[in-house]
C-alpha atoms as a PDB file:
ATOM      1  CA  MET A   1     -12.895 154.413  98.304  1.00  0.00           C
ATOM      2  CA  ASP A   2     -12.203 158.144  98.351  1.00  0.00           C
ATOM      3  CA  ASN A   3      -9.242 157.674  96.005  1.00  0.00           C
ATOM      4  CA  GLN A   4     -11.362 155.589  93.631  1.00  0.00           C
ATOM      5  CA  PHE A   5     -14.045 158.286  93.653  1.00  0.00           C
ATOM      6  CA  LYS A   6     -11.464 160.948  92.743  1.00  0.00           C
ATOM      7  CA  LYS A   7     -10.190 158.789  89.882  1.00  0.00           C
ATOM      8  CA  SER A   8     -13.766 158.275  88.693  1.00  0.00           C
ATOM      9  CA  VAL A   9     -14.485 162.017  88.787  1.00  0.00           C
ATOM     10  CA  LYS A  10     -11.222 162.774  86.965  1.00  0.00           C
ATOM     11  CA  PHE A  11     -12.009 160.202  84.267  1.00  0.00           C
ATOM     12  CA  SER A  12     -15.581 161.506  83.920  1.00  0.00           C
ATOM     13  CA  LEU A  13     -14.345 165.062  83.459  1.00  0.00           C
ATOM     14  CA  SER A  14     -11.775 163.990  80.878  1.00  0.00           C
ATOM     15  CA  ILE A  15     -14.429 162.035  78.977  1.00  0.00           C
ATOM     16  CA  ALA A  16     -16.743 165.071  79.080  1.00  0.00           C
ATOM     17  CA  VAL A  17     -14.015 167.290  77.599  1.00  0.00           C
ATOM     18  CA  ILE A  18     -13.177 164.707  74.919  1.00  0.00           C
ATOM     19  CA  THR A  19     -16.880 164.377  74.075  1.00  0.00           C
ATOM     20  CA  PHE A  20     -17.242 168.160  73.756  1.00  0.00           C
ATOM     21  CA  VAL A  21     -14.270 168.396  71.391  1.00  0.00           C
ATOM     22  CA  LEU A  22     -15.214 165.366  69.285  1.00  0.00           C
ATOM     23  CA  ALA A  23     -18.873 166.427  69.080  1.00  0.00           C
ATOM     24  CA  ALA A  24     -17.787 169.822  67.758  1.00  0.00           C
ATOM     25  CA  ILE A  25     -15.436 168.212  65.231  1.00  0.00           C
ATOM     26  CA  PHE A  26     -18.054 165.682  64.077  1.00  0.00           C
ATOM     27  CA  SER A  27     -20.693 168.398  63.724  1.00  0.00           C
ATOM     28  CA  VAL A  28     -18.417 170.689  61.705  1.00  0.00           C
ATOM     29  CA  ILE A  29     -17.265 167.860  59.429  1.00  0.00           C
ATOM     30  CA  SER A  30     -20.773 166.499  58.826  1.00  0.00           C
ATOM     31  CA  THR A  31     -22.248 169.957  58.223  1.00  0.00           C
ATOM     32  CA  SER A  32     -19.416 170.869  55.848  1.00  0.00           C
ATOM     33  CA  ALA A  33     -19.742 167.550  54.028  1.00  0.00           C
ATOM     34  CA  LEU A  34     -23.508 167.973  53.631  1.00  0.00           C
ATOM     35  CA  SER A  35     -23.395 171.561  52.398  1.00  0.00           C
ATOM     36  CA  GLY A  36     -23.246 171.696  48.634  1.00  0.00           C
ATOM     37  CA  VAL A  37     -23.768 167.980  47.993  1.00  0.00           C
ATOM     38  CA  ILE A  38     -26.806 166.375  46.415  1.00  0.00           C
ATOM     39  CA  TRP A  39     -29.332 164.740  48.714  1.00  0.00           C
ATOM     40  CA  VAL A  40     -28.296 161.227  47.618  1.00  0.00           C
ATOM     41  CA  ALA A  41     -24.776 161.873  48.912  1.00  0.00           C
ATOM     42  CA  GLY A  42     -26.338 163.336  52.059  1.00  0.00           C
ATOM     43  CA  ILE A  43     -28.224 160.106  52.695  1.00  0.00           C
ATOM     44  CA  LEU A  44     -24.997 158.113  52.283  1.00  0.00           C
ATOM     45  CA  ILE A  45     -23.265 160.393  54.802  1.00  0.00           C
ATOM     46  CA  VAL A  46     -26.087 159.879  57.319  1.00  0.00           C
ATOM     47  CA  LEU A  47     -25.893 156.103  56.836  1.00  0.00           C
ATOM     48  CA  ALA A  48     -22.104 156.241  57.338  1.00  0.00           C
ATOM     49  CA  ILE A  49     -22.569 158.115  60.632  1.00  0.00           C
ATOM     50  CA  VAL A  50     -25.148 155.551  61.795  1.00  0.00           C
ATOM     51  CA  PHE A  51     -22.757 152.735  60.809  1.00  0.00           C
ATOM     52  CA  ILE A  52     -19.947 154.308  62.851  1.00  0.00           C
ATOM     53  CA  GLY A  53     -22.229 154.463  65.899  1.00  0.00           C
ATOM     54  CA  VAL A  54     -23.251 150.820  65.484  1.00  0.00           C
ATOM     55  CA  ILE A  55     -19.653 149.598  65.081  1.00  0.00           C
ATOM     56  CA  PHE A  56     -18.359 151.447  68.139  1.00  0.00           C
ATOM     57  CA  ASP A  57     -21.312 150.273  70.231  1.00  0.00           C
ATOM     58  CA  MET A  58     -20.412 146.708  69.266  1.00  0.00           C
ATOM     59  CA  LEU A  59     -16.755 147.269  70.179  1.00  0.00           C
ATOM     60  CA  GLY A  60     -17.652 148.638  73.605  1.00  0.00           C
ATOM     61  CA  ILE A  61     -19.849 145.665  74.456  1.00  0.00           C
ATOM     62  CA  ALA A  62     -17.312 143.171  73.083  1.00  0.00           C
ATOM     63  CA  ALA A  63     -14.627 144.641  75.359  1.00  0.00           C
ATOM     64  CA  THR A  64     -16.751 143.988  78.452  1.00  0.00           C
ATOM     65  CA  ALA A  65     -17.707 140.483  77.277  1.00  0.00           C
ATOM     66  CA  ALA A  66     -14.231 139.303  76.243  1.00  0.00           C
ATOM     67  CA  GLN A  67     -11.842 137.324  78.465  1.00  0.00           C
ATOM     68  CA  GLU A  68      -8.072 137.784  78.721  1.00  0.00           C
ATOM     69  CA  THR A  69      -7.166 134.093  78.618  1.00  0.00           C
ATOM     70  CA  PRO A  70      -7.250 133.513  74.823  1.00  0.00           C
ATOM     71  CA  PHE A  71      -5.060 136.565  74.240  1.00  0.00           C
ATOM     72  CA  HIS A  72      -2.398 135.440  76.725  1.00  0.00           C
ATOM     73  CA  SER A  73      -1.722 132.329  74.660  1.00  0.00           C
ATOM     74  CA  MET A  74      -1.572 134.497  71.523  1.00  0.00           C
ATOM     75  CA  ALA A  75       0.808 136.916  73.235  1.00  0.00           C
ATOM     76  CA  SER A  76       3.107 134.044  74.257  1.00  0.00           C
ATOM     77  CA  GLU A  77       3.333 133.153  70.563  1.00  0.00           C
ATOM     78  CA  LYS A  78       4.005 136.835  69.789  1.00  0.00           C
ATOM     79  CA  ILE A  79       0.939 137.132  67.570  1.00  0.00           C
ATOM     80  CA  ARG A  80       0.429 140.698  66.410  1.00  0.00           C
ATOM     81  CA  GLY A  81      -2.444 142.442  68.207  1.00  0.00           C
ATOM     82  CA  ALA A  82      -2.522 140.115  71.220  1.00  0.00           C
ATOM     83  CA  LYS A  83      -0.820 142.621  73.523  1.00  0.00           C
ATOM     84  CA  GLU A  84      -3.236 145.366  72.458  1.00  0.00           C
ATOM     85  CA  ALA A  85      -6.196 143.021  72.993  1.00  0.00           C
ATOM     86  CA  ILE A  86      -5.082 142.355  76.582  1.00  0.00           C
ATOM     87  CA  ILE A  87      -4.843 146.105  77.234  1.00  0.00           C
ATOM     88  CA  ILE A  88      -8.360 146.616  75.846  1.00  0.00           C
ATOM     89  CA  VAL A  89      -9.870 143.855  77.982  1.00  0.00           C
ATOM     90  CA  ARG A  90      -8.070 145.009  81.143  1.00  0.00           C
ATOM     91  CA  ASN A  91      -9.422 148.520  80.571  1.00  0.00           C
ATOM     92  CA  ALA A  92     -12.845 147.384  79.343  1.00  0.00           C
ATOM     93  CA  ASP A  93     -14.723 149.969  81.425  1.00  0.00           C
ATOM     94  CA  ARG A  94     -12.812 152.898  79.913  1.00  0.00           C
ATOM     95  CA  PHE A  95     -12.776 151.419  76.420  1.00  0.00           C
ATOM     96  CA  ALA A  96     -16.542 150.771  76.561  1.00  0.00           C
ATOM     97  CA  SER A  97     -17.188 154.246  77.954  1.00  0.00           C
ATOM     98  CA  PHE A  98     -15.297 155.814  75.064  1.00  0.00           C
ATOM     99  CA  CYS A  99     -16.882 153.613  72.383  1.00  0.00           C
ATOM    100  CA  ASN A 100     -20.468 153.565  73.678  1.00  0.00           C
ATOM    101  CA  ASP A 101     -20.847 156.864  75.504  1.00  0.00           C
ATOM    102  CA  VAL A 102     -18.532 159.111  73.503  1.00  0.00           C
ATOM    103  CA  ILE A 103     -18.484 157.914  69.890  1.00  0.00           C
ATOM    104  CA  GLY A 104     -21.825 156.084  70.040  1.00  0.00           C
ATOM    105  CA  ASP A 105     -23.800 158.975  71.532  1.00  0.00           C
ATOM    106  CA  ILE A 106     -22.089 161.576  69.351  1.00  0.00           C
ATOM    107  CA  SER A 107     -22.934 159.529  66.263  1.00  0.00           C
ATOM    108  CA  GLY A 108     -26.581 159.421  67.354  1.00  0.00           C
ATOM    109  CA  ILE A 109     -26.740 163.182  67.836  1.00  0.00           C
ATOM    110  CA  VAL A 110     -24.858 164.023  64.636  1.00  0.00           C
ATOM    111  CA  SER A 111     -26.906 161.570  62.549  1.00  0.00           C
ATOM    112  CA  GLY A 112     -30.069 163.302  63.770  1.00  0.00           C
ATOM    113  CA  THR A 113     -28.717 166.719  62.815  1.00  0.00           C
ATOM    114  CA  ALA A 114     -27.443 165.445  59.464  1.00  0.00           C
ATOM    115  CA  SER A 115     -30.789 163.814  58.640  1.00  0.00           C
ATOM    116  CA  THR A 116     -32.518 167.167  59.273  1.00  0.00           C
ATOM    117  CA  VAL A 117     -30.211 168.819  56.731  1.00  0.00           C
ATOM    118  CA  VAL A 118     -30.950 166.055  54.213  1.00  0.00           C
ATOM    119  CA  VAL A 119     -34.692 166.477  54.768  1.00  0.00           C
ATOM    120  CA  LEU A 120     -34.421 170.214  54.000  1.00  0.00           C
ATOM    121  CA  GLN A 121     -32.439 169.432  50.844  1.00  0.00           C
ATOM    122  CA  ILE A 122     -35.038 166.957  49.589  1.00  0.00           C
ATOM    123  CA  VAL A 123     -37.935 169.267  50.492  1.00  0.00           C
ATOM    124  CA  ASN A 124     -36.331 172.109  48.529  1.00  0.00           C
ATOM    125  CA  VAL A 125     -35.630 169.857  45.529  1.00  0.00           C
ATOM    126  CA  LEU A 126     -39.287 168.758  45.463  1.00  0.00           C
ATOM    127  CA  GLY A 127     -40.415 172.378  45.578  1.00  0.00           C
ATOM    128  CA  HIS A 128     -42.106 172.378  48.988  1.00  0.00           C
ATOM    129  CA  ASP A 129     -41.857 175.288  51.401  1.00  0.00           C
ATOM    130  CA  ASP A 130     -40.081 175.116  54.750  1.00  0.00           C
ATOM    131  CA  GLY A 131     -42.573 174.375  57.502  1.00  0.00           C
ATOM    132  CA  SER A 132     -45.047 172.718  55.134  1.00  0.00           C
ATOM    133  CA  THR A 133     -47.080 169.660  56.098  1.00  0.00           C
ATOM    134  CA  PHE A 134     -45.029 167.593  53.668  1.00  0.00           C
ATOM    135  CA  GLN A 135     -41.801 168.632  55.378  1.00  0.00           C
ATOM    136  CA  LEU A 136     -43.201 167.736  58.792  1.00  0.00           C
ATOM    137  CA  VAL A 137     -44.399 164.287  57.676  1.00  0.00           C
ATOM    138  CA  PHE A 138     -41.231 163.577  55.700  1.00  0.00           C
ATOM    139  CA  SER A 139     -39.037 164.693  58.604  1.00  0.00           C
ATOM    140  CA  VAL A 140     -40.843 162.315  60.963  1.00  0.00           C
ATOM    141  CA  PHE A 141     -40.436 159.505  58.416  1.00  0.00           C
ATOM    142  CA  VAL A 142     -36.689 160.070  57.936  1.00  0.00           C
ATOM    143  CA  THR A 143     -36.088 160.405  61.691  1.00  0.00           C
ATOM    144  CA  SER A 144     -37.963 157.134  62.277  1.00  0.00           C
ATOM    145  CA  VAL A 145     -35.946 155.332  59.599  1.00  0.00           C
ATOM    146  CA  VAL A 146     -32.642 156.580  61.059  1.00  0.00           C
ATOM    147  CA  ALA A 147     -33.746 155.554  64.560  1.00  0.00           C
ATOM    148  CA  ALA A 148     -34.819 152.110  63.326  1.00  0.00           C
ATOM    149  CA  LEU A 149     -31.505 151.553  61.517  1.00  0.00           C
ATOM    150  CA  THR A 150     -29.576 152.676  64.600  1.00  0.00           C
ATOM    151  CA  VAL A 151     -31.466 150.492  67.077  1.00  0.00           C
ATOM    152  CA  GLY A 152     -31.653 147.512  64.718  1.00  0.00           C
ATOM    153  CA  GLY A 153     -27.967 147.812  63.849  1.00  0.00           C
ATOM    154  CA  LYS A 154     -26.959 148.027  67.513  1.00  0.00           C
ATOM    155  CA  ALA A 155     -29.100 144.987  68.353  1.00  0.00           C
ATOM    156  CA  LEU A 156     -27.311 142.990  65.646  1.00  0.00           C
ATOM    157  CA  GLY A 157     -23.962 144.376  66.800  1.00  0.00           C
ATOM    158  CA  LYS A 158     -24.690 143.286  70.383  1.00  0.00           C
ATOM    159  CA  TYR A 159     -25.232 139.720  69.172  1.00  0.00           C
ATOM    160  CA  PHE A 160     -21.822 139.605  67.495  1.00  0.00           C
ATOM    161  CA  ALA A 161     -20.197 141.447  70.432  1.00  0.00           C
ATOM    162  CA  ILE A 162     -21.428 138.876  72.953  1.00  0.00           C
ATOM    163  CA  HIS A 163     -21.078 135.698  70.898  1.00  0.00           C
ATOM    164  CA  SER A 164     -17.850 136.611  69.067  1.00  0.00           C
ATOM    165  CA  SER A 165     -16.203 138.953  71.572  1.00  0.00           C
ATOM    166  CA  THR A 166     -12.739 137.394  71.200  1.00  0.00           C
ATOM    167  CA  LYS A 167     -12.778 137.714  67.409  1.00  0.00           C
ATOM    168  CA  VAL A 168     -14.153 141.275  67.526  1.00  0.00           C
ATOM    169  CA  ILE A 169     -11.577 142.486  70.059  1.00  0.00           C
ATOM    170  CA  PHE A 170      -8.696 140.683  68.341  1.00  0.00           C
ATOM    171  CA  THR A 171      -9.615 142.231  64.977  1.00  0.00           C
ATOM    172  CA  THR A 172      -9.811 145.650  66.624  1.00  0.00           C
ATOM    173  CA  ALA A 173      -6.497 145.112  68.412  1.00  0.00           C
ATOM    174  CA  ARG A 174      -4.778 144.106  65.179  1.00  0.00           C
ATOM    175  CA  LEU A 175      -6.106 147.251  63.499  1.00  0.00           C
ATOM    176  CA  ILE A 176      -4.869 149.403  66.395  1.00  0.00           C
ATOM    177  CA  ALA A 177      -1.465 147.683  66.260  1.00  0.00           C
ATOM    178  CA  TRP A 178      -1.256 148.376  62.521  1.00  0.00           C
ATOM    179  CA  VAL A 179      -2.183 152.048  63.002  1.00  0.00           C
ATOM    180  CA  GLU A 180       0.374 152.379  65.808  1.00  0.00           C
ATOM    181  CA  ASP A 181       3.069 150.875  63.573  1.00  0.00           C
ATOM    182  CA  LYS A 182       2.254 153.194  60.665  1.00  0.00           C
ATOM    183  CA  THR A 183       1.752 156.415  62.636  1.00  0.00           C
ATOM    184  CA  LYS A 184       4.201 155.729  65.485  1.00  0.00           C
ATOM    185  CA  ILE A 185       1.477 156.960  67.862  1.00  0.00           C
ATOM    186  CA  ASN A 186       0.838 154.776  70.928  1.00  0.00           C
ATOM    187  CA  ILE A 187      -2.964 154.808  71.010  1.00  0.00           C
ATOM    188  CA  LEU A 188      -3.214 152.459  73.983  1.00  0.00           C
ATOM    189  CA  SER A 189      -0.139 153.706  75.861  1.00  0.00           C
ATOM    190  CA  SER A 190      -2.081 155.555  78.580  1.00  0.00           C
ATOM    191  CA  ALA A 191      -4.377 152.574  79.072  1.00  0.00           C
ATOM    192  CA  SER A 192      -1.327 150.309  79.340  1.00  0.00           C
ATOM    193  CA  ASN A 193       0.220 152.519  82.019  1.00  0.00           C
ATOM    194  CA  HIS A 194      -3.056 152.499  83.937  1.00  0.00           C
ATOM    195  CA  ALA A 195      -3.173 148.694  83.767  1.00  0.00           C
ATOM    196  CA  ARG A 196       0.356 148.447  85.182  1.00  0.00           C
ATOM    197  CA  LYS A 197      -0.459 150.822  88.034  1.00  0.00           C
ATOM    198  CA  SER A 198      -3.617 148.921  88.933  1.00  0.00           C
ATOM    199  CA  ARG A 199      -1.524 145.747  89.277  1.00  0.00           C
END
């Protein structure tokens, strides 16, 4: 139990560090992308960030809902992506933590910040002053729309994650396998080593 607790603390700390780094990177990229672009492009960037959050939330839930069995038969037939799918399912807790807690939460925070920048752009284009009643009302409206899209998108994503978990994870695994082949970077190597040790 004590050993498990230490592993949990170590994983939590590593996730916290990764979140800090990725949050900084996401914030810098989104702020840089939004500066100097027209508000229409800004809205598209915000929607893209929301979409990323929804997709990763779906992936995290699908990993916890999926079963290994279908992928074992695929792996025996040497179908590309089956091995990666097994690694994802065996490490569902870590995969879900990364997708939901790291990428998902960062996307929510960054989309909120990005929407604020877009609001300021639109307010300035329309000739209203910062801090005006119009800005306040419009800011509340945009924030509500972003929140509605995020929650609604995640609700739809949860449906697909639960009812089509095998297809979602297999598609993700095939994409990871393709990226690993092209970049020669073993994305799931550490997770694979952990799975071997746990057995």
